[in-house]
Every structure is written in structure tokens, then in C-alpha cells.
N, C-alpha and C. Protein backbone atom coordinates (compact mmCIF):
# COMPACT_ATOMS: atom_id res chain seq x y z
N MET A 1 130.68 -8.10 143.49
CA MET A 1 131.37 -8.13 145.08
C MET A 1 129.90 -7.45 145.77
N GLN A 2 129.31 -7.51 146.45
CA GLN A 2 128.03 -6.94 147.54
C GLN A 2 128.86 -6.69 149.33
N ILE A 3 128.41 -4.98 149.39
CA ILE A 3 128.71 -4.85 150.67
C ILE A 3 127.79 -4.53 151.44
N ARG A 4 127.44 -4.84 152.55
CA ARG A 4 126.54 -4.85 153.81
C ARG A 4 127.52 -3.26 154.14
N LEU A 5 126.61 -2.58 154.17
CA LEU A 5 126.83 -1.81 155.58
C LEU A 5 126.17 -1.33 157.37
N THR A 6 126.60 -1.48 158.15
CA THR A 6 125.67 -1.51 159.32
C THR A 6 125.97 0.12 160.09
N PHE A 7 125.43 0.32 160.33
CA PHE A 7 125.72 1.96 161.32
C PHE A 7 124.81 1.84 162.49
N SER A 8 125.93 2.13 163.54
CA SER A 8 124.47 2.20 165.30
C SER A 8 125.49 3.23 166.35
N ILE A 9 124.20 4.51 166.56
CA ILE A 9 125.11 4.66 167.19
C ILE A 9 124.08 4.28 168.59
N ASP A 10 125.71 4.28 169.54
CA ASP A 10 124.89 3.99 171.58
C ASP A 10 124.30 6.00 171.24
N ALA A 11 123.52 5.35 172.86
CA ALA A 11 123.72 6.86 174.31
C ALA A 11 124.18 7.56 174.08
N ASP A 12 125.85 6.60 174.07
CA ASP A 12 126.86 8.14 174.25
C ASP A 12 127.40 9.11 173.41
N GLY A 13 126.72 8.14 172.04
CA GLY A 13 126.99 8.69 170.52
C GLY A 13 128.18 8.63 170.25
N LEU A 14 128.43 7.27 170.98
CA LEU A 14 129.60 6.36 169.84
C LEU A 14 129.07 5.64 168.26
N LEU A 15 129.52 6.27 167.23
CA LEU A 15 129.26 5.44 165.76
C LEU A 15 130.25 4.44 165.92
N THR A 16 129.37 2.96 165.34
CA THR A 16 129.91 2.33 164.65
C THR A 16 130.04 1.97 163.29
N VAL A 17 130.66 1.56 162.83
CA VAL A 17 129.89 1.48 160.85
C VAL A 17 130.90 0.21 161.00
N SER A 18 130.58 -1.39 160.08
CA SER A 18 130.51 -2.14 160.20
C SER A 18 130.28 -2.42 158.54
N ALA A 19 131.31 -3.17 158.06
CA ALA A 19 131.45 -3.51 156.44
C ALA A 19 131.66 -4.96 156.35
N THR A 20 130.33 -5.63 156.03
CA THR A 20 130.98 -7.04 155.69
C THR A 20 130.17 -7.25 154.52
N GLU A 21 131.07 -7.92 153.69
CA GLU A 21 131.74 -8.97 152.48
C GLU A 21 130.71 -9.93 152.54
N GLN A 22 129.41 -9.58 151.48
CA GLN A 22 128.66 -10.91 151.28
C GLN A 22 129.31 -11.64 151.36
N THR A 23 129.99 -12.07 149.90
CA THR A 23 130.28 -13.70 148.96
C THR A 23 131.05 -13.86 150.53
N THR A 24 132.57 -13.08 150.85
CA THR A 24 133.09 -13.97 151.99
C THR A 24 133.11 -13.73 153.03
N GLY A 25 131.73 -12.98 153.94
CA GLY A 25 131.69 -12.99 154.81
C GLY A 25 132.76 -12.40 156.01
N ILE A 26 133.57 -11.50 154.93
CA ILE A 26 134.83 -10.79 155.59
C ILE A 26 134.05 -9.50 156.31
N ILE A 27 134.17 -8.95 158.14
CA ILE A 27 134.02 -8.02 157.97
C ILE A 27 134.86 -6.90 158.95
N GLN A 28 134.99 -5.69 158.12
CA GLN A 28 135.78 -5.39 159.06
C GLN A 28 134.50 -3.44 159.48
N GLN A 29 135.74 -3.38 160.44
CA GLN A 29 134.56 -2.72 161.34
C GLN A 29 135.18 -1.21 161.85
N VAL A 30 134.97 0.14 162.89
CA VAL A 30 135.15 1.09 162.47
C VAL A 30 134.33 2.18 163.69
N GLU A 31 135.19 2.33 165.15
CA GLU A 31 134.20 2.63 166.01
C GLU A 31 134.46 4.33 165.54
N VAL A 32 133.91 5.14 165.66
CA VAL A 32 134.10 6.64 165.85
C VAL A 32 133.93 7.40 167.07
N LYS A 33 134.02 8.10 167.51
CA LYS A 33 134.29 8.21 169.02
C LYS A 33 133.45 9.95 168.62
N PRO A 34 132.45 10.87 169.31
CA PRO A 34 131.99 11.83 168.73
C PRO A 34 133.05 13.00 169.49
N SER A 35 134.03 13.70 168.97
CA SER A 35 134.19 15.12 169.11
C SER A 35 134.08 16.97 169.61
N TYR A 36 132.84 16.97 169.99
CA TYR A 36 132.11 17.64 170.32
C TYR A 36 133.34 18.97 171.26
N GLY A 37 134.03 17.56 172.03
CA GLY A 37 134.55 18.84 173.27
C GLY A 37 133.96 18.56 174.24
N LEU A 38 133.24 17.73 173.84
CA LEU A 38 132.51 17.03 175.88
C LEU A 38 133.13 16.39 176.28
N SER A 39 133.39 16.44 177.41
CA SER A 39 134.29 14.99 178.71
C SER A 39 132.82 14.04 178.77
N THR A 40 133.11 13.60 179.34
CA THR A 40 132.15 12.17 179.86
C THR A 40 131.64 13.03 180.97
N GLU A 41 132.06 14.16 181.68
CA GLU A 41 131.01 14.93 182.41
C GLU A 41 130.36 15.56 181.77
N ASP A 42 130.42 15.98 181.06
CA ASP A 42 129.73 17.04 180.27
C ASP A 42 128.51 16.22 179.94
N TYR A 43 128.47 14.90 179.18
CA TYR A 43 127.43 14.15 178.91
C TYR A 43 126.85 13.72 180.24
N ALA A 44 127.38 13.65 180.71
CA ALA A 44 126.27 13.20 182.28
C ALA A 44 125.65 14.26 182.68
N LEU A 45 126.01 15.16 182.55
CA LEU A 45 125.49 16.19 183.10
C LEU A 45 124.35 16.33 181.88
N MET A 46 124.29 16.33 180.43
CA MET A 46 123.63 16.56 179.78
C MET A 46 122.46 15.92 180.09
N LEU A 47 122.71 14.18 179.92
CA LEU A 47 121.85 12.97 180.55
C LEU A 47 121.02 13.22 181.44
N LYS A 48 121.66 14.10 182.59
CA LYS A 48 120.72 13.77 183.95
C LYS A 48 119.07 15.40 183.29
N GLN A 49 120.07 16.48 182.95
CA GLN A 49 119.47 17.47 182.38
C GLN A 49 117.87 17.45 181.68
N GLY A 50 118.25 16.23 180.48
CA GLY A 50 117.62 15.54 179.99
C GLY A 50 116.47 15.07 180.22
N TYR A 51 116.83 14.23 181.56
CA TYR A 51 115.79 13.39 182.16
C TYR A 51 115.03 14.20 183.54
N GLU A 52 115.70 15.15 183.85
CA GLU A 52 115.05 15.93 184.53
C GLU A 52 114.21 17.31 184.05
N HIS A 53 113.65 17.49 183.05
CA HIS A 53 113.18 18.32 182.11
C HIS A 53 112.53 17.23 180.93
N GLY A 54 112.86 16.59 180.79
CA GLY A 54 111.84 15.13 180.23
C GLY A 54 110.79 15.76 180.14
N GLU A 55 109.85 15.67 181.07
CA GLU A 55 108.61 16.53 180.81
C GLU A 55 108.25 16.83 180.60
N GLU A 56 108.58 17.72 181.09
CA GLU A 56 108.25 19.41 180.74
C GLU A 56 108.63 19.71 179.18
N ASP A 57 109.43 19.15 178.55
CA ASP A 57 109.64 19.31 177.25
C ASP A 57 108.99 18.49 176.44
N LEU A 58 108.54 17.65 176.81
CA LEU A 58 107.16 16.64 176.24
C LEU A 58 105.39 17.45 176.60
N SER A 59 105.58 18.73 177.43
CA SER A 59 104.29 19.13 177.68
C SER A 59 104.78 20.42 176.58
N ASN A 60 105.49 21.15 176.50
CA ASN A 60 106.12 22.19 175.78
C ASN A 60 105.88 21.41 174.45
N ARG A 61 106.13 20.62 173.75
CA ARG A 61 105.27 19.90 172.85
C ARG A 61 104.40 19.61 172.68
N LEU A 62 103.70 19.20 173.00
CA LEU A 62 102.13 18.69 172.89
C LEU A 62 101.47 20.49 172.78
N LEU A 63 101.98 21.26 173.58
CA LEU A 63 100.71 22.26 173.83
C LEU A 63 101.25 23.20 172.35
N ILE A 64 102.80 22.82 171.58
CA ILE A 64 102.82 23.58 170.35
C ILE A 64 102.29 22.83 169.62
N ALA A 65 102.24 21.57 169.45
CA ALA A 65 101.47 21.18 168.37
C ALA A 65 99.61 20.94 168.63
N ALA A 66 99.11 21.93 169.69
CA ALA A 66 97.89 21.84 170.11
C ALA A 66 97.49 22.97 169.35
N LYS A 67 98.66 23.80 169.55
CA LYS A 67 98.06 24.91 168.77
C LYS A 67 98.70 25.06 167.38
N ILE A 68 99.38 24.88 166.81
CA ILE A 68 99.50 24.67 165.39
C ILE A 68 98.04 23.70 165.27
N LYS A 69 97.42 22.88 165.63
CA LYS A 69 96.69 22.23 165.35
C LYS A 69 95.33 23.47 165.05
N ALA A 70 95.30 23.96 165.49
CA ALA A 70 94.19 24.84 166.01
C ALA A 70 94.03 25.78 165.50
N GLU A 71 95.25 26.79 164.98
CA GLU A 71 95.36 27.55 163.97
C GLU A 71 95.04 26.75 162.70
N GLN A 72 95.16 25.76 162.64
CA GLN A 72 95.01 25.16 161.06
C GLN A 72 93.66 24.74 160.58
N LEU A 73 93.01 24.77 161.76
CA LEU A 73 91.09 24.55 162.29
C LEU A 73 90.88 25.68 161.91
N ILE A 74 91.06 27.04 162.63
CA ILE A 74 90.85 27.44 161.95
C ILE A 74 90.98 28.55 160.62
N ALA A 75 92.14 27.98 160.38
CA ALA A 75 92.66 28.98 158.63
C ALA A 75 91.84 27.90 157.95
N GLN A 76 91.51 27.30 157.91
CA GLN A 76 90.78 25.92 157.28
C GLN A 76 89.32 25.91 157.21
N LEU A 77 88.41 26.42 158.56
CA LEU A 77 87.57 27.15 158.47
C LEU A 77 87.40 28.18 158.08
N GLU A 78 87.99 29.06 158.36
CA GLU A 78 87.33 30.90 157.65
C GLU A 78 86.98 30.75 156.76
N SER A 79 88.95 29.61 155.87
CA SER A 79 88.48 30.37 154.32
C SER A 79 87.07 29.46 153.56
N ALA A 80 86.86 28.00 154.30
CA ALA A 80 85.85 27.34 153.75
C ALA A 80 84.59 28.73 153.77
N LEU A 81 84.44 29.11 154.72
CA LEU A 81 83.13 29.97 155.13
C LEU A 81 83.19 31.12 154.44
N ASN A 82 84.75 31.81 153.59
CA ASN A 82 84.80 32.73 152.94
C ASN A 82 84.48 32.19 151.27
N LEU A 83 84.56 31.00 151.04
CA LEU A 83 84.05 30.23 149.99
C LEU A 83 82.41 29.54 150.01
N ASP A 84 81.82 28.98 151.27
CA ASP A 84 80.70 28.70 151.05
C ASP A 84 79.90 28.99 152.00
N ALA A 85 80.03 30.15 152.23
CA ALA A 85 79.15 30.31 153.72
C ALA A 85 77.53 30.35 153.18
N HIS A 86 77.27 30.48 151.86
CA HIS A 86 75.70 30.83 151.89
C HIS A 86 75.43 29.58 151.65
N LEU A 87 75.94 28.33 151.92
CA LEU A 87 75.37 27.29 152.26
C LEU A 87 75.08 27.01 153.92
N LEU A 88 75.20 27.59 154.39
CA LEU A 88 74.34 27.59 155.91
C LEU A 88 73.47 28.99 156.31
N ASP A 89 72.60 28.72 157.26
CA ASP A 89 71.91 29.76 157.33
C ASP A 89 72.48 30.80 158.59
N GLU A 90 72.06 31.93 158.45
CA GLU A 90 72.80 33.08 159.71
C GLU A 90 73.24 32.57 161.55
N ASP A 91 72.06 31.12 161.80
CA ASP A 91 72.64 30.92 163.10
C ASP A 91 73.29 30.50 163.07
N GLN A 92 73.65 29.32 161.72
CA GLN A 92 75.19 28.17 161.60
C GLN A 92 76.53 28.78 161.42
N ILE A 93 76.54 29.93 161.02
CA ILE A 93 77.40 31.15 160.51
C ILE A 93 77.66 31.58 161.84
N ASN A 94 76.86 31.95 162.69
CA ASN A 94 77.15 32.54 163.97
C ASN A 94 78.09 32.06 165.11
N ALA A 95 77.29 30.04 164.60
CA ALA A 95 77.05 28.99 165.36
C ALA A 95 78.97 29.42 165.06
N LEU A 96 79.34 29.12 164.21
CA LEU A 96 81.00 28.54 164.39
C LEU A 96 81.75 29.75 164.43
N LYS A 97 81.47 31.45 163.94
CA LYS A 97 82.51 32.36 164.79
C LYS A 97 82.84 32.15 165.87
N VAL A 98 81.38 31.93 166.70
CA VAL A 98 81.71 31.78 168.21
C VAL A 98 82.51 31.22 168.80
N CYS A 99 82.09 29.78 167.96
CA CYS A 99 83.51 28.73 168.31
C CYS A 99 84.52 28.79 167.72
N VAL A 100 84.64 29.30 166.74
CA VAL A 100 86.09 30.38 166.69
C VAL A 100 86.68 30.53 167.58
N ARG A 101 86.01 31.90 167.86
CA ARG A 101 86.19 32.61 168.86
C ARG A 101 86.79 31.63 169.97
N ASP A 102 86.11 31.11 170.59
CA ASP A 102 86.55 30.45 171.85
C ASP A 102 87.79 29.50 171.63
N VAL A 103 88.26 28.95 170.61
CA VAL A 103 89.53 28.19 170.53
C VAL A 103 90.21 29.22 170.52
N LYS A 104 90.04 30.59 169.52
CA LYS A 104 91.40 31.58 169.98
C LYS A 104 91.29 32.33 171.54
N GLN A 105 90.70 31.95 171.96
CA GLN A 105 90.56 32.48 173.23
C GLN A 105 91.48 31.13 174.13
N LYS A 106 91.38 30.94 174.15
CA LYS A 106 91.65 28.84 174.53
C LYS A 106 93.63 28.96 173.76
N LEU A 107 93.73 29.54 173.24
CA LEU A 107 95.23 29.93 172.74
C LEU A 107 96.30 31.09 173.17
N SER A 108 95.58 31.70 173.94
CA SER A 108 95.98 32.74 174.92
C SER A 108 96.07 32.01 176.36
N ILE A 109 95.83 30.97 177.08
CA ILE A 109 96.00 30.44 178.11
C ILE A 109 96.98 29.48 178.18
N GLN A 110 97.11 29.06 176.89
CA GLN A 110 98.68 28.25 177.44
C GLN A 110 98.36 26.61 178.24
N ASP A 111 96.67 26.53 177.82
CA ASP A 111 96.83 25.28 178.89
C ASP A 111 96.14 23.76 177.45
N CYS A 112 97.27 22.87 177.08
CA CYS A 112 97.26 22.34 175.93
C CYS A 112 95.40 21.36 176.11
N SER A 113 94.93 20.53 177.10
CA SER A 113 93.64 20.05 177.14
C SER A 113 92.70 21.01 176.47
N SER A 114 92.82 22.31 177.12
CA SER A 114 91.55 23.28 176.58
C SER A 114 92.15 23.26 175.21
N ILE A 115 92.79 23.83 174.80
CA ILE A 115 92.66 23.90 172.94
C ILE A 115 92.09 22.52 172.83
N GLN A 116 92.49 21.28 172.60
CA GLN A 116 92.04 20.53 172.21
C GLN A 116 90.54 20.09 172.33
N LYS A 117 90.27 20.54 173.49
CA LYS A 117 88.43 20.37 173.57
C LYS A 117 88.28 21.59 172.70
N ALA A 118 89.02 22.29 172.70
CA ALA A 118 88.24 23.47 172.03
C ALA A 118 88.02 23.50 170.42
N CYS A 119 89.18 22.42 169.89
CA CYS A 119 89.32 22.50 168.87
C CYS A 119 88.38 21.62 168.47
N ASP A 120 87.98 19.79 169.12
CA ASP A 120 87.25 18.84 168.43
C ASP A 120 85.92 19.47 168.86
N ASP A 121 85.36 20.39 169.76
CA ASP A 121 84.39 20.98 169.66
C ASP A 121 83.86 21.82 168.10
N LEU A 122 85.06 22.37 167.92
CA LEU A 122 84.95 22.85 166.75
C LEU A 122 84.69 22.46 165.74
N ALA A 123 85.39 21.15 165.67
CA ALA A 123 85.43 20.12 164.19
C ALA A 123 84.06 19.40 164.70
N LEU A 124 83.69 19.11 165.86
CA LEU A 124 82.44 18.54 165.80
C LEU A 124 81.41 19.99 164.90
N LEU A 125 80.83 21.00 165.68
CA LEU A 125 80.44 21.98 165.04
C LEU A 125 80.10 21.90 163.58
N ALA A 126 81.41 21.82 162.72
CA ALA A 126 82.10 22.13 161.46
C ALA A 126 81.60 21.33 160.58
N GLN A 127 81.53 19.39 161.22
CA GLN A 127 81.04 18.40 160.35
C GLN A 127 79.83 18.59 159.20
N PRO A 128 78.60 19.46 159.72
CA PRO A 128 77.72 19.12 159.17
C PRO A 128 77.82 19.91 157.71
N PHE A 129 78.90 21.09 158.09
CA PHE A 129 79.29 22.33 156.82
C PHE A 129 79.67 21.29 155.86
N ALA A 130 80.87 21.03 156.58
CA ALA A 130 81.87 19.97 155.36
C ALA A 130 81.13 19.21 154.58
N GLU A 131 80.40 18.39 155.21
CA GLU A 131 79.51 17.27 154.71
C GLU A 131 78.42 18.29 153.00
N LYS A 132 78.13 19.30 153.86
CA LYS A 132 77.27 20.23 152.80
C LYS A 132 78.28 20.92 151.71
N ARG A 133 79.14 21.43 152.00
CA ARG A 133 80.73 21.47 151.32
C ARG A 133 80.76 20.18 150.49
N ILE A 134 80.67 18.85 150.37
CA ILE A 134 81.14 18.11 149.76
C ILE A 134 80.01 17.40 148.68
N ALA A 135 78.94 17.60 149.64
CA ALA A 135 77.35 17.56 148.19
C ALA A 135 77.36 18.35 148.00
N HIS A 136 77.28 20.19 148.55
CA HIS A 136 77.73 20.68 147.11
C HIS A 136 78.63 20.67 145.83
N ALA A 137 79.79 20.84 145.98
CA ALA A 137 80.52 20.46 145.38
C ALA A 137 80.36 19.10 143.83
N ILE A 138 80.04 17.75 144.75
CA ILE A 138 79.97 16.66 143.85
C ILE A 138 78.36 17.24 143.11
N LYS A 139 77.42 17.78 143.33
CA LYS A 139 76.49 17.96 142.83
C LYS A 139 76.99 19.29 141.45
N GLN A 140 77.50 20.10 141.88
CA GLN A 140 78.60 21.23 140.90
C GLN A 140 78.91 20.14 139.53
N LYS A 141 79.66 19.22 140.15
CA LYS A 141 80.91 19.07 139.28
C LYS A 141 79.65 18.12 138.28
N PHE A 142 78.68 17.69 138.82
CA PHE A 142 77.84 16.12 137.51
C PHE A 142 76.63 16.61 137.44
N GLN A 143 76.21 18.53 137.74
CA GLN A 143 75.11 19.04 137.48
C GLN A 143 74.77 18.33 136.09
N HIS A 144 75.17 18.46 134.62
CA HIS A 144 74.94 18.94 133.42
C HIS A 144 75.43 17.13 132.86
N GLN A 145 75.73 16.51 134.22
CA GLN A 145 75.96 14.81 133.40
C GLN A 145 74.66 14.45 133.75
N THR A 146 74.72 13.42 132.73
CA THR A 146 73.56 12.47 132.89
C THR A 146 74.18 10.41 133.47
N ILE A 147 73.58 9.89 134.45
CA ILE A 147 74.58 8.71 134.29
C ILE A 147 73.10 7.55 134.84
């Protein structure tokens, strides 16, 4: 015996569960209405508020995501500099540190596009350093081997 279960939830939170016995095709269906203690008017108000604040919520989400990305980028670069700063000259190190400071300053102004732009600039500036790190790691791995 094989039974196929189907779950669906509509916009009002109504859960419908259908069970179909595959060999006979017999279907049984149950609807489960949420009982959160909310009235139809409460649902309507919540939906209305969701529509009214949707753009603001999206902007906040994008800002938080940009901040997280910036903080991760900074942490990764600072860790890489602690391990492999010897691969760069003083001017390159200083340029990266200045760019990191710029990203940190952008984090305080709460502007998503400024944070993203600063992160893009930092990533572009750090690209040659990343390439040097990869080349150095490969060289270290294979320095005593002949191919």
C-alpha cells in the first residue's frame, strides 16, 4: 500500500492535508484552520500592515545582509593579513587597511548601497592579495615534489 500525502497552506493560514491511496485512488482530505485566537479582522489588519511595511522590511533586510557581508569580508581580510602580510609590501598593506577603515565607516551610516560599494571596492583591492596567497600556498604544498 502506498499513500501520497499533500499539504497545502493558503494565504489565510488554512492547512489542507490530502491522503491518496495510490492503488485504489481513494482520497481523504482534512482542513485545519489555525486557532491562534485571531479573528478575520485581525488577519486582515496583519495583511494590511504587511503590505504597508513590506518595502521598509525589505530595505532593513538588505541593510542587515550588507552589514553581515561587510563584517565577514573585514574579518577574512584581517585574518589573511595576520597570516600572510609578508606577501605584500608596505604600500599594499596600508591601502588595504585604509579600505577596511572605509568599510567600517560605511557600516555606521546605515546606507546599504554605500556599504555594498565599499565592500566591492575592498574586494577588488584585495583580489591580488588573494591570488598571491593561493600561489604561495600551492608553492608551499609542492616545493619538495617534482612533477
